Protein backbone atom coordinates (compact mmCIF):
# COMPACT_ATOMS: atom_id res chain seq x y z
CA MET A 1 67.90 113.65 104.00
CA SER A 2 69.64 111.23 106.44
CA THR A 3 72.63 112.39 107.32
CA GLY A 4 75.77 110.62 109.13
CA PRO A 5 79.01 112.65 110.89
CA GLU A 6 80.17 115.56 109.14
CA GLY A 7 82.19 114.40 105.91
CA CYS A 8 80.99 110.49 106.26
CA PHE A 9 79.61 109.09 103.47
CA VAL A 10 78.25 105.80 103.16
CA ARG A 11 81.16 103.95 100.12
CA VAL A 12 79.30 102.31 97.57
CA ASN A 13 79.98 100.51 93.96
CA ALA A 14 78.39 100.30 90.65
CA ALA A 15 76.53 97.09 92.04
CA MET A 16 74.99 98.61 95.01
CA LEU A 17 73.34 101.37 93.78
CA LEU A 18 71.93 99.77 90.37
CA SER A 19 70.30 97.15 92.47
CA GLN A 20 68.58 99.94 93.97
CA LYS A 21 68.77 98.81 97.97
CA ILE A 22 70.67 101.89 98.50
CA ASP A 23 68.60 104.48 99.98
CA ALA A 24 68.06 107.36 97.66
CA SER A 25 68.20 110.25 100.96
CA LEU A 26 71.88 109.30 101.16
CA ILE A 27 74.78 111.23 100.13
CA VAL A 28 77.15 108.41 98.74
CA SER A 29 80.90 108.03 97.36
CA VAL A 30 82.25 106.51 94.71
CA VAL A 31 85.71 105.51 93.44
CA GLY A 32 86.83 105.12 89.75
CA ARG A 33 87.39 106.81 86.61
CA TYR A 34 85.30 108.97 83.92
CA PHE A 35 84.64 105.95 80.90
CA LYS A 36 83.76 106.83 77.62
CA SER A 37 82.44 110.12 78.44
CA SER A 38 81.22 112.67 81.37
CA THR A 39 78.88 111.18 82.34
CA GLN A 40 80.02 107.85 82.64
CA PHE A 41 81.81 106.70 85.28
CA GLN A 42 83.21 102.95 86.03
CA CYS A 43 83.24 102.57 89.65
CA SER A 44 85.61 100.07 92.11
CA ASP A 45 83.77 97.27 91.17
CA GLY A 46 84.00 97.67 87.45
CA GLY A 47 80.23 98.46 86.78
CA THR A 48 78.90 101.53 85.03
CA ILE A 49 76.50 104.45 86.40
CA ALA A 50 75.29 107.58 85.13
CA LEU A 51 76.39 110.90 85.99
CA SER A 52 74.40 113.67 86.16
CA THR A 53 76.83 116.48 86.37
CA GLN A 54 74.86 119.88 86.84
CA TYR A 55 76.79 120.89 89.85
CA ILE A 56 80.41 119.88 88.38
CA GLU A 57 82.88 121.12 86.23
CA PRO A 58 84.21 117.64 84.69
CA PRO A 59 87.99 118.17 84.44
CA ALA A 60 89.53 120.06 81.53
CA ASP A 61 91.95 117.38 80.28
CA LEU A 62 89.46 114.68 81.10
CA ASP A 63 90.32 111.19 80.20
CA VAL A 64 87.72 108.98 79.36
CA SER A 65 89.87 105.90 78.26
CA GLY A 66 88.91 104.22 81.86
CA GLN A 67 92.29 104.32 82.79
CA GLY A 68 93.13 107.33 83.54
CA MET A 69 92.62 109.35 87.42
CA VAL A 70 91.19 107.42 89.87
CA MET A 71 88.43 109.34 91.05
CA GLU A 72 85.90 109.73 94.32
CA MET A 73 82.24 111.23 93.33
CA VAL A 74 80.22 112.23 96.12
CA GLY A 75 76.58 112.77 95.16
CA GLN A 76 73.06 111.10 96.17
CA TYR A 77 71.84 108.49 93.62
CA ALA A 78 68.44 108.62 92.13
CA ASP A 79 66.77 107.98 88.59
CA ASN A 80 69.53 105.91 87.74
CA ALA A 81 72.15 108.71 87.99
CA LEU A 82 74.38 109.88 90.53
CA THR A 83 74.09 113.50 90.76
CA VAL A 84 77.61 114.88 91.73
CA PHE A 85 78.24 117.72 94.26
CA VAL A 86 81.80 116.88 94.86
CA VAL A 87 84.62 115.76 93.12
CA ARG A 88 87.85 114.45 94.14
CA GLU A 89 91.36 113.12 92.41
CA LEU A 90 92.81 110.67 93.46
CA SER A 91 95.78 109.02 91.99
CA PRO A 92 96.48 106.85 89.18
CA ASP A 93 97.84 104.23 90.97
CA VAL A 94 94.77 103.33 93.23
CA ASP A 95 94.45 100.02 93.22
CA LEU A 96 90.42 99.55 92.76
CA SER A 97 90.74 96.19 93.41
CA VAL A 98 92.14 96.84 97.18
CA TYR A 99 89.19 99.88 97.52
CA GLU A 100 86.54 97.38 96.59
CA LYS A 101 87.72 94.94 99.42
CA MET A 102 86.93 97.53 101.46
CA ILE A 103 83.78 98.25 100.46
CA GLU A 104 82.81 94.54 100.93
CA VAL A 105 84.33 94.68 104.46
CA GLN A 106 82.52 97.36 105.03
CA HIS A 107 79.14 95.83 103.98
CA HIS A 108 79.88 92.58 105.45
CA PRO A 109 76.98 92.27 108.48
CA LYS A 110 79.99 90.99 110.49
CA TYR A 111 81.80 94.52 110.73
CA GLN A 112 78.73 96.82 109.55
CA GLN A 113 78.86 98.28 113.41
CA TYR A 114 81.98 99.84 112.56
CA PHE A 115 81.34 101.70 109.76
CA TYR A 116 78.40 104.52 108.70
CA LEU A 117 76.20 102.74 106.55
CA GLY A 118 73.16 104.71 106.37
CA THR A 119 71.69 103.46 109.13
CA SER A 120 70.75 104.28 112.80
């Protein structure tokens, strides 16, 4: 498995995961909100991915409206689902459009040397 610096994960969005351009051995981070159920997640780019929650327990007060708490999910994407290992509550006030712009900068070829993207 590819590993990066301690606590450093490749930050991605739904489009990147669904395009299957992300190495399946990487541990990745997505930010967004639960959407419709505890196994659907709307990422910062508005795209939706499936979650495998076998290693976590979704919050008891889960808001699936797509308007609740912004969360960070850390896990491994394979078989069309993110197997979630870590869930972090961020804030309901996180501006996902700003976060999405940050992801675009991190993955832009001009700036990739400054961020861990799972490549050596």
